[in-house]
Amino acid sequence: MTNDAERQRWTVLFSGRVQGVGFRYTTQQTAAGYEVGGYVRNLPDGRVEMVAQGAASELERFLAGIQAAMAGHIRDQSIDRSAGTGEFRSFDIRH
């Protein structure tokens, strides 16, 4: 794992047909292949929120993996980048 000084926190909001299509499960399974921690959850407005922490290069590859797996469902995404906090040790689905 990267040290806390290198760690970033990305909050990504996905919109499109992203609920009811296995998006959260696919995101969690994709995360297993990367050194990232965080969570993914459905939002009441129909979007999916993903919060992930790790090295920027690892987060970029992780996000590309999600985009490749769910390309037909994602219409738009926004990314808010900030300093990592080191609070996540795993990647989970939240309800």
C-alpha atoms as a PDB file:
ATOM      1  CA  MET A   1       0.000   0.000   0.000  1.00  0.00           C
ATOM      2  CA  THR A   2       1.154   3.552  -0.586  1.00  0.00           C
ATOM      3  CA  ASN A   3       2.090   5.770   2.319  1.00  0.00           C
ATOM      4  CA  ASP A   4      -0.408   8.368   3.510  1.00  0.00           C
ATOM      5  CA  ALA A   5       1.492  11.257   1.885  1.00  0.00           C
ATOM      6  CA  GLU A   6       0.979   9.699  -1.570  1.00  0.00           C
ATOM      7  CA  ARG A   7      -2.586   8.557  -0.994  1.00  0.00           C
ATOM      8  CA  GLN A   8      -5.447  10.349  -2.698  1.00  0.00           C
ATOM      9  CA  ARG A   9      -9.178  10.189  -2.094  1.00  0.00           C
ATOM     10  CA  TRP A  10     -11.469  10.251  -5.120  1.00  0.00           C
ATOM     11  CA  THR A  11     -15.221  10.683  -4.803  1.00  0.00           C
ATOM     12  CA  VAL A  12     -16.796   9.686  -8.107  1.00  0.00           C
ATOM     13  CA  LEU A  13     -20.468  10.159  -8.924  1.00  0.00           C
ATOM     14  CA  PHE A  14     -21.734   7.998 -11.773  1.00  0.00           C
ATOM     15  CA  SER A  15     -24.988   8.681 -13.577  1.00  0.00           C
ATOM     16  CA  GLY A  16     -26.849   6.808 -16.266  1.00  0.00           C
ATOM     17  CA  ARG A  17     -28.392   3.347 -15.861  1.00  0.00           C
ATOM     18  CA  VAL A  18     -26.171   2.543 -12.895  1.00  0.00           C
ATOM     19  CA  GLN A  19     -28.619   1.106 -10.368  1.00  0.00           C
ATOM     20  CA  GLY A  20     -30.123  -2.370 -10.649  1.00  0.00           C
ATOM     21  CA  VAL A  21     -27.459  -3.556 -13.123  1.00  0.00           C
ATOM     22  CA  GLY A  22     -24.810  -4.983 -10.759  1.00  0.00           C
ATOM     23  CA  PHE A  23     -22.791  -1.776 -10.710  1.00  0.00           C
ATOM     24  CA  ARG A  24     -21.884  -1.923  -7.013  1.00  0.00           C
ATOM     25  CA  TYR A  25     -20.979  -5.618  -7.145  1.00  0.00           C
ATOM     26  CA  THR A  26     -18.882  -5.122 -10.296  1.00  0.00           C
ATOM     27  CA  THR A  27     -17.113  -2.151  -8.693  1.00  0.00           C
ATOM     28  CA  GLN A  28     -16.314  -4.162  -5.563  1.00  0.00           C
ATOM     29  CA  GLN A  29     -15.032  -7.102  -7.627  1.00  0.00           C
ATOM     30  CA  THR A  30     -12.917  -4.752  -9.772  1.00  0.00           C
ATOM     31  CA  ALA A  31     -11.440  -3.175  -6.630  1.00  0.00           C
ATOM     32  CA  ALA A  32     -10.036  -6.558  -5.588  1.00  0.00           C
ATOM     33  CA  GLY A  33      -7.466  -6.252  -8.385  1.00  0.00           C
ATOM     34  CA  TYR A  34      -6.085  -2.922  -7.173  1.00  0.00           C
ATOM     35  CA  GLU A  35      -4.509  -1.459  -4.034  1.00  0.00           C
ATOM     36  CA  VAL A  36      -7.493   0.709  -3.172  1.00  0.00           C
ATOM     37  CA  GLY A  37      -9.851   1.042  -0.249  1.00  0.00           C
ATOM     38  CA  GLY A  38     -13.232   2.679   0.052  1.00  0.00           C
ATOM     39  CA  TYR A  39     -16.865   2.000  -0.732  1.00  0.00           C
ATOM     40  CA  VAL A  40     -19.586   2.198  -3.353  1.00  0.00           C
ATOM     41  CA  ARG A  41     -23.265   2.920  -2.708  1.00  0.00           C
ATOM     42  CA  ASN A  42     -26.490   3.825  -4.461  1.00  0.00           C
ATOM     43  CA  LEU A  43     -27.807   7.347  -3.951  1.00  0.00           C
ATOM     44  CA  PRO A  44     -31.529   8.181  -3.673  1.00  0.00           C
ATOM     45  CA  ASP A  45     -31.377  10.300  -6.858  1.00  0.00           C
ATOM     46  CA  GLY A  46     -30.411   7.310  -9.044  1.00  0.00           C
ATOM     47  CA  ARG A  47     -26.659   7.928  -9.148  1.00  0.00           C
ATOM     48  CA  VAL A  48     -23.936   5.734  -7.662  1.00  0.00           C
ATOM     49  CA  GLU A  49     -21.255   7.200  -5.395  1.00  0.00           C
ATOM     50  CA  MET A  50     -17.830   5.632  -5.149  1.00  0.00           C
ATOM     51  CA  VAL A  51     -15.227   6.798  -2.651  1.00  0.00           C
ATOM     52  CA  ALA A  52     -11.800   5.273  -3.201  1.00  0.00           C
ATOM     53  CA  GLN A  53      -8.349   5.907  -1.779  1.00  0.00           C
ATOM     54  CA  GLY A  54      -4.948   4.873  -3.035  1.00  0.00           C
ATOM     55  CA  ALA A  55      -2.093   6.084  -5.190  1.00  0.00           C
ATOM     56  CA  ALA A  56      -3.265   8.291  -8.083  1.00  0.00           C
ATOM     57  CA  SER A  57      -1.950   5.833 -10.676  1.00  0.00           C
ATOM     58  CA  GLU A  58      -3.783   2.955  -8.970  1.00  0.00           C
ATOM     59  CA  LEU A  59      -7.010   4.987  -8.788  1.00  0.00           C
ATOM     60  CA  GLU A  60      -6.722   5.824 -12.496  1.00  0.00           C
ATOM     61  CA  ARG A  61      -6.368   2.133 -13.404  1.00  0.00           C
ATOM     62  CA  PHE A  62      -9.208   1.173 -11.053  1.00  0.00           C
ATOM     63  CA  LEU A  63     -11.539   3.781 -12.561  1.00  0.00           C
ATOM     64  CA  ALA A  64     -10.593   2.655 -16.089  1.00  0.00           C
ATOM     65  CA  GLY A  65     -11.491  -0.905 -15.077  1.00  0.00           C
ATOM     66  CA  ILE A  66     -14.918   0.189 -13.872  1.00  0.00           C
ATOM     67  CA  GLN A  67     -15.477   2.222 -17.038  1.00  0.00           C
ATOM     68  CA  ALA A  68     -14.555  -0.762 -19.219  1.00  0.00           C
ATOM     69  CA  ALA A  69     -16.798  -3.166 -17.308  1.00  0.00           C
ATOM     70  CA  MET A  70     -19.807  -0.822 -17.081  1.00  0.00           C
ATOM     71  CA  ALA A  71     -19.383   1.288 -20.234  1.00  0.00           C
ATOM     72  CA  GLY A  72     -22.906   0.625 -21.495  1.00  0.00           C
ATOM     73  CA  HIS A  73     -24.424   1.925 -18.268  1.00  0.00           C
ATOM     74  CA  ILE A  74     -22.414   5.061 -17.438  1.00  0.00           C
ATOM     75  CA  ARG A  75     -23.697   8.250 -19.051  1.00  0.00           C
ATOM     76  CA  ASP A  76     -21.630  10.704 -17.029  1.00  0.00           C
ATOM     77  CA  GLN A  77     -19.263  10.878 -14.084  1.00  0.00           C
ATOM     78  CA  SER A  78     -17.757  13.581 -11.923  1.00  0.00           C
ATOM     79  CA  ILE A  79     -14.608  13.209  -9.854  1.00  0.00           C
ATOM     80  CA  ASP A  80     -13.683  15.172  -6.740  1.00  0.00           C
ATOM     81  CA  ARG A  81     -10.036  14.617  -5.798  1.00  0.00           C
ATOM     82  CA  SER A  82      -8.653  15.342  -2.334  1.00  0.00           C
ATOM     83  CA  ALA A  83      -5.932  14.157   0.024  1.00  0.00           C
ATOM     84  CA  GLY A  84      -6.291  10.622   1.297  1.00  0.00           C
ATOM     85  CA  THR A  85      -7.064   9.954   4.939  1.00  0.00           C
ATOM     86  CA  GLY A  86      -6.028   6.310   5.200  1.00  0.00           C
ATOM     87  CA  GLU A  87      -9.349   5.401   6.817  1.00  0.00           C
ATOM     88  CA  PHE A  88     -10.227   2.473   4.508  1.00  0.00           C
ATOM     89  CA  ARG A  89      -8.614  -0.957   4.733  1.00  0.00           C
ATOM     90  CA  SER A  90     -10.988  -2.702   2.322  1.00  0.00           C
ATOM     91  CA  PHE A  91     -13.449  -1.854  -0.446  1.00  0.00           C
ATOM     92  CA  ASP A  92     -17.075  -2.418   0.501  1.00  0.00           C
ATOM     93  CA  ILE A  93     -20.622  -2.025  -0.719  1.00  0.00           C
ATOM     94  CA  ARG A  94     -22.618   0.297   1.533  1.00  0.00           C
ATOM     95  CA  HIS A  95     -26.380   0.319   1.787  1.00  0.00           C
END
